[in-house]
Amino acid sequence: MPDVATVVEALRAILPADGVNAGSEINHDHTHDEALTAHAGTPAAVVFPRTTEEVSAILRLADAEGIAITARGAGTGLSGGCNPIDGAVVVSFERMNTILEIDTENFTATVEPGVQLDQLDAVLAPMGMVYPVFPGEYSASLGGNVNTNAGGMRAVKYGVTRHHVIGLEAVLPGGEVITTGGKIVKVSTGYDLTQLIIGSEGTLALTTKATLRLYPRATHGATVLAPFLTLEQVTSAVPKIVASGIGPLILEYIDMLTMSAATAYVGLDLGIPKEIQDTALAYLVVGLESMHEDRLDADVATVSEHLFELGAVDVYVLPPAAAASLIDAREKAFWVAKANNADDIIDIVVPRAAIPDFMERVSTLAAEHSAWIAGCGHAGDGNVHMGIFQPDPEIRSNLLRALFSAAMELGGAISGEHGLGTEKKKYFLELEDPTKIELMRRIKTAFDPNGILNPGTIFD
């Protein structure tokens, strides 16, 4: 790798004067994401391209000179996926933030990678359309969502990012620009490069445009909150709610401690009687939506009846303001755990019917490792989020390995939506099928033969 001064000089020849930050100009926020334990190296520079042509020139230089490249969106990830190694160049896409097209006939949006979810939603709302992926942080960028295959609360109904990205423009390490997919709904022409790039965490190519599938925006919504005496009752209820045919938009579980801390964090009083708060160990949040108010009312009545039959202590249909505040509190669960000095925060995914078995193992493993684990999660799709409280790094590592192993034994995976980054790769490399890992390595080599893209992420 060339020395820093040479790298910076070459980059300044490609980009405008304000497009390269080096040395003391580098903002520390551009060197890491929100992972609690991830190491962040010192980059040679942070660059801010505005066009695909500039990204292409940066990668062409990097590939020729052996300069490591780390792509960065909004930095809201939790796995160290945008943390550079020493001497790398961070490519920040914050200035490539244009919504290029909203196609109301094909129900698609074409956006640059720096477009944030809240920015896109503000444009779509008056048009009666929605991009349904909502990973819990509306300041997240679309490019970052593509890189990590982001999911979120609405995945139980709409799925995750890869279900809604139908085309990409991406730059390969040598500077070549490729276009995959498009506005077409289906394609059976060769390998699906769009899906291969989604979730690759910036290790195969850098996305410069994405074409997204849009949907009509529902005009009516309701949120139902049900306290249960045990977490097992909540997790056992989830498959039955899904099987009811109601089609919930949101199906979240929140344990008692997380509910108490999260609502306090946002200053929310849901009006739940103290005797229920004292006895309920877990809550189920069911979000519903419809284009028709009468159908929504019928769905609320049906789901409430199901919840009582499944053992709910009570059922509350929340007023709109309280419902919005509760969802906001749930979204801030990470910040609550961080504020309460969690030692790590992870997400694990299992088949939703396996959640009761998995949570039983979580309880056992926490006790065996003298740890406290608090959590909530997207119960509808089996994605469990946990705050790990165990300060000893070695014990905590053993606990994480055991948790990931337990999930995989139940047919799950190490991460459902945050990716592997630098923080989970060692568990991935230890626990995943070696044949699959070797195939992934060969794919990485085919895209990036000189290994410049996000070294240290997914693979060593």
Protein backbone atom coordinates (compact mmCIF):
# COMPACT_ATOMS: atom_id res chain seq x y z
CA MET A 1 0.00 0.00 0.00
CA PRO A 2 1.47 3.42 -0.94
CA ASP A 3 2.19 5.99 1.78
CA VAL A 4 -0.59 8.28 2.98
CA ALA A 5 0.72 11.44 1.31
CA THR A 6 0.86 9.73 -2.08
CA VAL A 7 -2.67 8.35 -1.67
CA VAL A 8 -4.09 11.74 -0.68
CA GLU A 9 -2.35 13.51 -3.56
CA ALA A 10 -3.74 11.00 -6.06
CA LEU A 11 -7.26 11.35 -4.63
CA ARG A 12 -7.10 15.15 -4.78
CA ALA A 13 -6.35 14.83 -8.49
CA ILE A 14 -9.65 12.94 -8.92
CA LEU A 15 -12.05 14.84 -6.67
CA PRO A 16 -12.87 18.51 -6.03
CA ALA A 17 -10.96 20.24 -3.24
CA ASP A 18 -13.71 19.63 -0.68
CA GLY A 19 -14.05 15.99 -1.70
CA VAL A 20 -11.05 14.68 0.24
CA ASN A 21 -10.45 14.86 3.98
CA ALA A 22 -7.11 13.73 5.37
CA GLY A 23 -5.21 13.98 8.66
CA SER A 24 -6.84 16.41 11.10
CA GLU A 25 -9.63 17.08 8.57
CA ILE A 26 -11.09 13.60 9.17
CA ASN A 27 -14.17 13.57 11.36
CA HIS A 28 -13.92 10.65 13.79
CA ASP A 29 -17.58 9.79 13.11
CA HIS A 30 -16.58 8.78 9.59
CA THR A 31 -14.30 6.03 10.92
CA HIS A 32 -16.78 3.75 12.68
CA ASP A 33 -20.36 2.56 12.95
CA GLU A 34 -22.39 1.99 16.15
CA ALA A 35 -20.93 -1.43 17.08
CA LEU A 36 -19.92 -1.38 20.75
CA THR A 37 -16.83 -3.58 20.47
CA ALA A 38 -15.47 -2.99 16.96
CA HIS A 39 -11.95 -1.66 16.39
CA ALA A 40 -11.66 1.26 13.99
CA GLY A 41 -8.42 1.85 12.11
CA THR A 42 -7.03 5.21 11.05
CA PRO A 43 -7.89 5.86 7.39
CA ALA A 44 -5.54 7.61 5.01
CA ALA A 45 -8.48 9.70 3.82
CA VAL A 46 -12.24 10.02 3.73
CA VAL A 47 -13.60 10.90 0.29
CA PHE A 48 -17.00 12.26 -0.74
CA PRO A 49 -17.81 11.43 -4.36
CA ARG A 50 -20.83 12.99 -6.04
CA THR A 51 -21.00 10.90 -9.21
CA THR A 52 -20.61 7.33 -10.39
CA GLU A 53 -17.69 8.50 -12.54
CA GLU A 54 -15.84 9.73 -9.46
CA VAL A 55 -16.47 6.43 -7.65
CA SER A 56 -15.15 4.59 -10.70
CA ALA A 57 -11.98 6.71 -10.75
CA ILE A 58 -11.41 6.14 -7.02
CA LEU A 59 -11.71 2.36 -7.37
CA ARG A 60 -9.55 2.28 -10.49
CA LEU A 61 -6.80 4.07 -8.56
CA ALA A 62 -7.26 1.89 -5.48
CA ASP A 63 -7.12 -1.36 -7.43
CA ALA A 64 -3.99 -0.32 -9.32
CA GLU A 65 -2.17 0.86 -6.19
CA GLY A 66 -3.41 -1.72 -3.67
CA ILE A 67 -5.36 0.79 -1.54
CA ALA A 68 -8.01 -0.66 0.76
CA ILE A 69 -11.51 0.78 0.33
CA THR A 70 -14.33 0.87 2.88
CA ALA A 71 -17.77 2.10 1.81
CA ARG A 72 -19.83 4.11 4.28
CA GLY A 73 -23.50 5.05 4.35
CA ALA A 74 -24.94 6.70 7.45
CA GLY A 75 -22.89 4.61 9.88
CA THR A 76 -25.91 3.19 11.73
CA GLY A 77 -24.73 -0.45 11.52
CA LEU A 78 -23.97 -2.61 14.54
CA SER A 79 -21.30 -5.02 13.30
CA GLY A 80 -18.26 -2.88 12.45
CA GLY A 81 -18.97 -3.29 8.74
CA CYS A 82 -17.86 0.23 7.79
CA ASN A 83 -14.85 0.44 10.12
CA PRO A 84 -11.71 0.83 7.99
CA ILE A 85 -8.35 -0.78 8.53
CA ASP A 86 -5.32 1.48 8.99
CA GLY A 87 -4.41 3.29 5.78
CA ALA A 88 -7.68 2.56 4.01
CA VAL A 89 -9.77 5.11 2.12
CA VAL A 90 -13.32 5.54 3.39
CA VAL A 91 -15.76 6.28 0.57
CA SER A 92 -18.64 8.20 2.16
CA PHE A 93 -21.75 8.34 0.02
CA GLU A 94 -23.45 11.15 1.95
CA ARG A 95 -23.19 13.56 -1.01
CA MET A 96 -24.69 11.06 -3.46
CA ASN A 97 -28.11 11.63 -1.94
CA THR A 98 -30.45 12.34 -4.85
CA ILE A 99 -33.78 10.65 -5.48
CA LEU A 100 -33.35 10.26 -9.21
CA GLU A 101 -36.85 9.12 -10.16
CA ILE A 102 -40.23 8.13 -8.74
CA ASP A 103 -42.01 6.06 -11.39
CA THR A 104 -45.70 6.06 -10.46
CA GLU A 105 -46.66 3.69 -13.27
CA ASN A 106 -44.12 0.98 -12.50
CA PHE A 107 -44.18 1.72 -8.74
CA THR A 108 -40.42 2.09 -8.47
CA ALA A 109 -37.96 4.60 -7.06
CA THR A 110 -34.40 5.00 -8.31
CA VAL A 111 -32.10 6.51 -5.71
CA GLU A 112 -28.45 7.19 -5.03
CA PRO A 113 -26.89 5.32 -2.09
CA GLY A 114 -26.74 8.31 0.25
CA VAL A 115 -30.51 8.83 0.24
CA GLN A 116 -31.87 8.28 3.75
CA LEU A 117 -35.04 6.37 4.51
CA ASP A 118 -36.74 9.41 6.06
CA GLN A 119 -35.83 11.50 3.01
CA LEU A 120 -37.42 8.97 0.66
CA ASP A 121 -40.49 8.54 2.86
CA ALA A 122 -41.11 12.30 2.96
CA VAL A 123 -41.29 12.32 -0.84
CA LEU A 124 -43.43 9.19 -1.14
CA ALA A 125 -46.01 9.98 1.56
CA PRO A 126 -47.85 12.76 -0.33
CA MET A 127 -47.92 10.47 -3.37
CA GLY A 128 -49.68 7.68 -1.47
CA MET A 129 -46.74 5.30 -1.84
CA VAL A 130 -44.31 3.66 0.56
CA TYR A 131 -40.98 1.87 0.54
CA PRO A 132 -41.75 -0.67 3.27
CA VAL A 133 -38.34 -1.61 4.68
CA PHE A 134 -37.92 0.00 8.08
CA PRO A 135 -34.86 -1.24 10.00
CA GLY A 136 -35.61 0.88 13.06
CA GLU A 137 -33.41 3.85 12.20
CA TYR A 138 -34.93 6.20 9.65
CA SER A 139 -31.66 8.09 9.26
CA ALA A 140 -30.12 4.94 7.73
CA SER A 141 -29.08 5.23 4.09
CA LEU A 142 -30.38 3.10 1.24
CA GLY A 143 -26.82 2.16 0.28
CA GLY A 144 -26.16 0.86 3.77
CA ASN A 145 -29.46 -1.04 3.70
CA VAL A 146 -28.43 -2.69 0.44
CA ASN A 147 -25.01 -3.59 1.80
CA THR A 148 -26.42 -5.31 4.90
CA ASN A 149 -29.75 -6.55 3.53
CA ALA A 150 -31.50 -4.56 6.26
CA GLY A 151 -34.77 -5.85 7.69
CA GLY A 152 -36.69 -4.38 10.58
CA MET A 153 -40.13 -4.45 12.12
CA ARG A 154 -42.13 -4.63 8.90
CA ALA A 155 -40.30 -7.72 7.63
CA VAL A 156 -43.05 -10.02 8.92
CA LYS A 157 -45.31 -8.59 6.20
CA TYR A 158 -42.99 -7.19 3.56
CA GLY A 159 -39.72 -9.07 3.93
CA VAL A 160 -36.25 -7.52 3.91
CA THR A 161 -34.23 -5.30 1.58
CA ARG A 162 -33.47 -8.00 -0.98
CA HIS A 163 -37.19 -8.46 -1.61
CA HIS A 164 -37.54 -4.83 -2.70
CA VAL A 165 -34.34 -3.96 -4.58
CA ILE A 166 -34.91 -4.95 -8.19
CA GLY A 167 -31.94 -3.26 -9.84
CA LEU A 168 -28.53 -1.80 -9.08
CA GLU A 169 -25.79 0.25 -10.62
CA ALA A 170 -22.50 -0.82 -9.05
CA VAL A 171 -18.80 -0.15 -9.52
CA LEU A 172 -16.35 -3.04 -9.50
CA PRO A 173 -12.85 -2.76 -7.97
CA GLY A 174 -11.20 -2.10 -11.34
CA GLY A 175 -13.54 0.82 -11.97
CA GLU A 176 -15.94 -0.99 -14.32
CA VAL A 177 -19.58 0.04 -13.93
CA ILE A 178 -22.30 -2.60 -14.19
CA THR A 179 -26.10 -2.37 -14.22
CA THR A 180 -28.15 -5.26 -12.90
CA GLY A 181 -31.90 -5.85 -13.01
CA GLY A 182 -34.10 -2.80 -13.53
CA LYS A 183 -37.78 -1.92 -13.33
CA ILE A 184 -38.79 -5.39 -14.42
CA VAL A 185 -40.56 -7.44 -11.78
CA LYS A 186 -38.94 -10.75 -12.65
CA VAL A 187 -35.91 -11.94 -14.60
CA SER A 188 -34.53 -15.37 -15.47
CA THR A 189 -31.53 -14.35 -17.52
CA GLY A 190 -28.31 -15.74 -16.10
CA TYR A 191 -27.00 -15.28 -12.58
CA ASP A 192 -28.81 -12.77 -10.40
CA LEU A 193 -26.04 -10.27 -9.68
CA THR A 194 -28.44 -7.90 -7.95
CA GLN A 195 -29.12 -10.42 -5.22
CA LEU A 196 -25.46 -11.38 -4.97
CA ILE A 197 -24.41 -7.79 -4.26
CA ILE A 198 -27.21 -7.18 -1.74
CA GLY A 199 -25.93 -8.13 1.72
CA SER A 200 -22.30 -8.40 0.60
CA GLU A 201 -21.27 -5.62 3.02
CA GLY A 202 -19.21 -3.68 0.49
CA THR A 203 -16.88 -6.60 -0.22
CA LEU A 204 -17.87 -7.20 -3.87
CA ALA A 205 -18.76 -3.83 -5.40
CA LEU A 206 -19.85 -0.31 -4.46
CA THR A 207 -23.50 0.49 -5.16
CA THR A 208 -24.09 3.87 -6.83
CA LYS A 209 -27.80 3.54 -7.70
CA ALA A 210 -30.65 1.31 -6.54
CA THR A 211 -34.05 0.72 -8.06
CA LEU A 212 -36.62 -0.03 -5.36
CA ARG A 213 -40.05 -1.61 -5.45
CA LEU A 214 -42.78 0.62 -4.01
CA TYR A 215 -46.26 -0.14 -2.65
CA PRO A 216 -49.54 1.72 -2.07
CA ARG A 217 -49.47 3.38 1.36
CA ALA A 218 -52.14 2.05 3.72
CA THR A 219 -54.46 4.79 4.94
CA HIS A 220 -55.48 3.20 8.26
CA GLY A 221 -53.41 1.61 11.01
CA ALA A 222 -53.73 0.34 14.57
CA THR A 223 -51.39 -0.98 17.25
CA VAL A 224 -52.36 -3.62 19.79
CA LEU A 225 -50.29 -4.24 22.93
CA ALA A 226 -50.67 -7.46 24.92
CA PRO A 227 -48.84 -8.22 28.20
CA PHE A 228 -48.13 -11.88 29.00
CA LEU A 229 -47.03 -13.59 32.20
CA THR A 230 -44.08 -15.31 30.50
CA LEU A 231 -41.85 -14.79 27.49
CA GLU A 232 -42.62 -18.37 26.44
CA GLN A 233 -46.31 -17.47 26.11
CA VAL A 234 -45.38 -14.55 23.84
CA THR A 235 -43.08 -16.54 21.59
CA SER A 236 -45.53 -19.44 21.42
CA ALA A 237 -48.30 -17.04 20.38
CA VAL A 238 -46.38 -15.66 17.39
CA PRO A 239 -46.84 -18.57 14.93
CA LYS A 240 -50.54 -18.69 15.78
CA ILE A 241 -51.00 -14.97 15.08
CA VAL A 242 -49.18 -15.36 11.76
CA ALA A 243 -51.32 -18.40 10.89
CA SER A 244 -54.54 -16.49 11.64
CA GLY A 245 -54.46 -14.84 8.22
CA ILE A 246 -54.60 -11.32 9.64
CA GLY A 247 -51.25 -10.41 8.05
CA PRO A 248 -49.76 -8.12 10.73
CA LEU A 249 -47.50 -5.28 9.66
CA ILE A 250 -45.52 -5.52 12.90
CA LEU A 251 -45.17 -8.42 15.33
CA GLU A 252 -42.64 -7.57 18.03
CA TYR A 253 -41.84 -9.00 21.42
CA ILE A 254 -40.34 -6.88 24.20
CA ASP A 255 -39.24 -8.32 27.53
CA MET A 256 -40.25 -6.61 30.76
CA LEU A 257 -36.90 -4.98 31.49
CA THR A 258 -36.48 -3.64 27.95
CA MET A 259 -40.06 -2.33 27.94
CA SER A 260 -39.52 -0.52 31.23
CA ALA A 261 -36.18 0.97 30.19
CA ALA A 262 -37.28 1.91 26.65
CA THR A 263 -40.51 3.63 27.68
CA ALA A 264 -38.64 5.52 30.40
CA TYR A 265 -36.00 6.53 27.82
CA VAL A 266 -38.62 8.28 25.65
CA GLY A 267 -40.81 9.42 28.57
CA LEU A 268 -43.80 7.23 27.63
CA ASP A 269 -46.57 6.20 30.03
CA LEU A 270 -48.86 3.66 28.37
CA GLY A 271 -51.33 3.71 31.25
CA ILE A 272 -50.91 0.01 32.02
CA PRO A 273 -52.05 -0.72 35.59
CA LYS A 274 -49.22 -1.29 38.06
CA GLU A 275 -50.44 -4.77 38.98
CA ILE A 276 -50.10 -5.85 35.37
CA GLN A 277 -46.69 -4.19 35.00
CA ASP A 278 -45.56 -6.07 38.12
CA THR A 279 -46.64 -9.47 36.82
CA ALA A 280 -46.12 -9.29 33.02
CA LEU A 281 -42.70 -10.56 32.00
CA ALA A 282 -43.08 -9.86 28.29
CA TYR A 283 -45.19 -7.95 25.79
CA LEU A 284 -46.34 -8.59 22.25
CA VAL A 285 -46.85 -5.60 19.95
CA VAL A 286 -49.07 -6.22 16.93
CA GLY A 287 -49.25 -3.55 14.24
CA LEU A 288 -52.03 -3.72 11.67
CA GLU A 289 -52.76 -1.71 8.52
CA SER A 290 -55.47 -1.59 5.89
CA MET A 291 -56.79 0.54 3.08
CA HIS A 292 -60.26 0.24 4.63
CA GLU A 293 -61.21 1.36 8.13
CA ASP A 294 -63.94 -1.25 8.63
CA ARG A 295 -61.59 -4.08 7.71
CA LEU A 296 -58.99 -2.71 10.11
CA ASP A 297 -61.56 -2.64 12.92
CA ALA A 298 -62.48 -6.24 12.20
CA ASP A 299 -58.81 -7.28 12.20
CA VAL A 300 -58.22 -5.51 15.53
CA ALA A 301 -61.17 -7.36 17.07
CA THR A 302 -59.96 -10.69 15.68
CA VAL A 303 -56.37 -10.31 16.85
CA SER A 304 -57.52 -9.16 20.29
CA GLU A 305 -59.64 -12.28 20.62
CA HIS A 306 -56.71 -14.46 19.57
CA LEU A 307 -54.41 -12.78 22.09
CA PHE A 308 -56.80 -13.44 24.96
CA GLU A 309 -57.12 -17.08 23.87
CA LEU A 310 -53.32 -17.36 23.79
CA GLY A 311 -52.97 -16.21 27.40
CA ALA A 312 -52.63 -12.43 27.29
CA VAL A 313 -53.28 -10.80 30.67
CA ASP A 314 -55.05 -7.95 28.89
CA VAL A 315 -55.18 -6.33 25.46
CA TYR A 316 -54.77 -2.61 24.76
CA VAL A 317 -55.60 -0.89 21.48
CA LEU A 318 -53.30 2.10 21.72
CA PRO A 319 -54.25 5.63 20.65
CA PRO A 320 -52.24 6.77 17.60
CA ALA A 321 -49.90 9.03 19.58
CA ALA A 322 -49.15 6.34 22.18
CA ALA A 323 -48.69 3.74 19.44
CA ALA A 324 -46.19 5.96 17.62
CA SER A 325 -44.33 6.59 20.88
CA LEU A 326 -44.20 2.86 21.67
CA ILE A 327 -42.76 2.05 18.24
CA ASP A 328 -40.27 4.87 18.76
CA ALA A 329 -39.32 3.39 22.15
CA ARG A 330 -38.87 -0.05 20.58
CA GLU A 331 -36.68 1.43 17.85
CA LYS A 332 -34.47 3.02 20.50
CA ALA A 333 -33.82 -0.27 22.28
CA PHE A 334 -30.20 -0.17 21.08
CA TRP A 335 -29.63 3.26 22.59
CA VAL A 336 -31.29 2.12 25.82
CA ALA A 337 -28.98 -0.88 26.04
CA LYS A 338 -25.99 1.31 25.24
CA ALA A 339 -27.03 3.86 27.88
CA ASN A 340 -27.29 1.05 30.41
CA ASN A 341 -23.72 -0.07 29.64
CA ALA A 342 -24.40 -3.21 27.63
CA ASP A 343 -21.17 -4.94 26.70
CA ASP A 344 -22.42 -6.06 23.29
CA ILE A 345 -25.58 -5.98 21.18
CA ILE A 346 -26.31 -8.75 18.72
CA ASP A 347 -29.05 -10.02 16.45
CA ILE A 348 -29.70 -13.69 15.74
CA VAL A 349 -32.37 -15.22 13.53
CA VAL A 350 -34.14 -18.57 13.92
CA PRO A 351 -37.28 -20.01 12.33
CA ARG A 352 -40.12 -18.23 14.13
CA ALA A 353 -41.58 -21.50 15.37
CA ALA A 354 -38.22 -22.18 17.05
CA ILE A 355 -38.21 -18.95 19.06
CA PRO A 356 -39.56 -20.61 22.27
CA ASP A 357 -36.83 -23.28 22.19
CA PHE A 358 -34.17 -20.71 21.39
CA MET A 359 -35.20 -18.33 24.17
CA GLU A 360 -35.13 -21.22 26.63
CA ARG A 361 -31.53 -21.89 25.56
CA VAL A 362 -30.73 -18.18 25.88
CA SER A 363 -31.86 -18.27 29.51
CA THR A 364 -29.77 -21.37 30.24
CA LEU A 365 -26.66 -20.02 28.50
CA ALA A 366 -26.93 -16.68 30.30
CA ALA A 367 -26.95 -18.46 33.64
CA GLU A 368 -24.04 -20.70 32.65
CA HIS A 369 -21.95 -17.66 31.66
CA SER A 370 -22.95 -15.42 34.58
CA ALA A 371 -24.47 -12.97 32.12
CA TRP A 372 -27.63 -10.92 31.92
CA ILE A 373 -29.36 -10.83 28.55
CA ALA A 374 -32.16 -8.38 27.85
CA GLY A 375 -33.98 -8.33 24.59
CA CYS A 376 -36.69 -7.64 22.11
CA GLY A 377 -37.08 -8.60 18.52
CA HIS A 378 -38.98 -9.06 15.31
CA ALA A 379 -40.91 -12.06 16.59
CA GLY A 380 -42.82 -12.40 13.33
CA ASP A 381 -39.69 -13.32 11.38
CA GLY A 382 -37.62 -14.92 14.14
CA ASN A 383 -35.09 -12.10 14.42
CA VAL A 384 -34.02 -11.76 18.06
CA HIS A 385 -32.10 -8.70 19.32
CA MET A 386 -30.21 -9.04 22.57
CA GLY A 387 -28.21 -6.76 24.83
CA ILE A 388 -25.39 -8.78 26.41
CA PHE A 389 -24.20 -7.77 29.87
CA GLN A 390 -21.00 -9.69 30.65
CA PRO A 391 -17.88 -7.53 30.97
CA ASP A 392 -15.28 -10.30 30.72
CA PRO A 393 -14.27 -10.47 27.02
CA GLU A 394 -13.36 -14.17 27.08
CA ILE A 395 -16.52 -15.26 28.86
CA ARG A 396 -18.60 -13.03 26.60
CA SER A 397 -16.97 -14.50 23.49
CA ASN A 398 -17.74 -18.02 24.70
CA LEU A 399 -21.32 -16.98 25.39
CA LEU A 400 -21.75 -15.48 21.91
CA ARG A 401 -20.31 -18.61 20.31
CA ALA A 402 -22.79 -20.73 22.29
CA LEU A 403 -25.71 -18.47 21.34
CA PHE A 404 -24.81 -18.53 17.65
CA SER A 405 -24.34 -22.33 17.78
CA ALA A 406 -27.72 -22.79 19.43
CA ALA A 407 -29.41 -20.70 16.74
CA MET A 408 -27.73 -22.59 13.91
CA GLU A 409 -28.69 -25.93 15.44
CA LEU A 410 -32.31 -24.79 15.28
CA GLY A 411 -31.99 -23.88 11.60
CA GLY A 412 -31.10 -20.23 12.16
CA ALA A 413 -28.18 -17.98 11.32
CA ILE A 414 -25.67 -15.73 13.07
CA SER A 415 -27.22 -12.50 11.82
CA GLY A 416 -30.64 -11.72 10.42
CA GLU A 417 -30.11 -8.09 9.42
CA HIS A 418 -27.00 -6.44 10.86
CA GLY A 419 -24.51 -8.45 8.83
CA LEU A 420 -21.25 -10.03 9.95
CA GLY A 421 -18.93 -7.05 9.67
CA THR A 422 -15.70 -7.44 11.59
CA GLU A 423 -17.37 -8.44 14.84
CA LYS A 424 -19.13 -11.68 13.93
CA LYS A 425 -16.82 -12.98 11.23
CA LYS A 426 -14.81 -15.22 13.58
CA TYR A 427 -17.97 -17.02 14.66
CA PHE A 428 -19.11 -17.27 11.06
CA LEU A 429 -15.77 -18.75 9.97
CA GLU A 430 -15.81 -21.22 12.88
CA LEU A 431 -19.42 -22.35 12.70
CA GLU A 432 -20.50 -22.17 9.05
CA ASP A 433 -20.11 -25.02 6.54
CA PRO A 434 -16.48 -24.85 5.24
CA THR A 435 -17.63 -25.71 1.72
CA LYS A 436 -19.95 -22.70 1.67
CA ILE A 437 -17.23 -20.45 3.06
CA GLU A 438 -14.78 -21.56 0.39
CA LEU A 439 -17.37 -20.91 -2.33
CA MET A 440 -17.93 -17.42 -0.93
CA ARG A 441 -14.19 -16.81 -0.96
CA ARG A 442 -14.06 -17.75 -4.64
CA ILE A 443 -16.94 -15.35 -5.38
CA LYS A 444 -15.08 -12.62 -3.50
CA THR A 445 -11.94 -13.30 -5.55
CA ALA A 446 -13.90 -13.21 -8.82
CA PHE A 447 -15.27 -9.76 -8.01
CA ASP A 448 -12.24 -8.39 -6.18
CA PRO A 449 -9.06 -10.29 -7.16
CA ASN A 450 -6.75 -7.86 -5.36
CA GLY A 451 -8.82 -7.86 -2.19
CA ILE A 452 -9.20 -4.08 -1.83
CA LEU A 453 -12.89 -3.92 -0.91
CA ASN A 454 -13.57 -3.77 2.83
CA PRO A 455 -10.76 -6.06 3.95
CA GLY A 456 -11.41 -7.59 7.35
CA THR A 457 -15.17 -7.70 6.86
CA ILE A 458 -16.73 -11.19 6.51
CA PHE A 459 -13.29 -12.71 5.79
CA ASP A 460 -9.91 -12.11 7.44
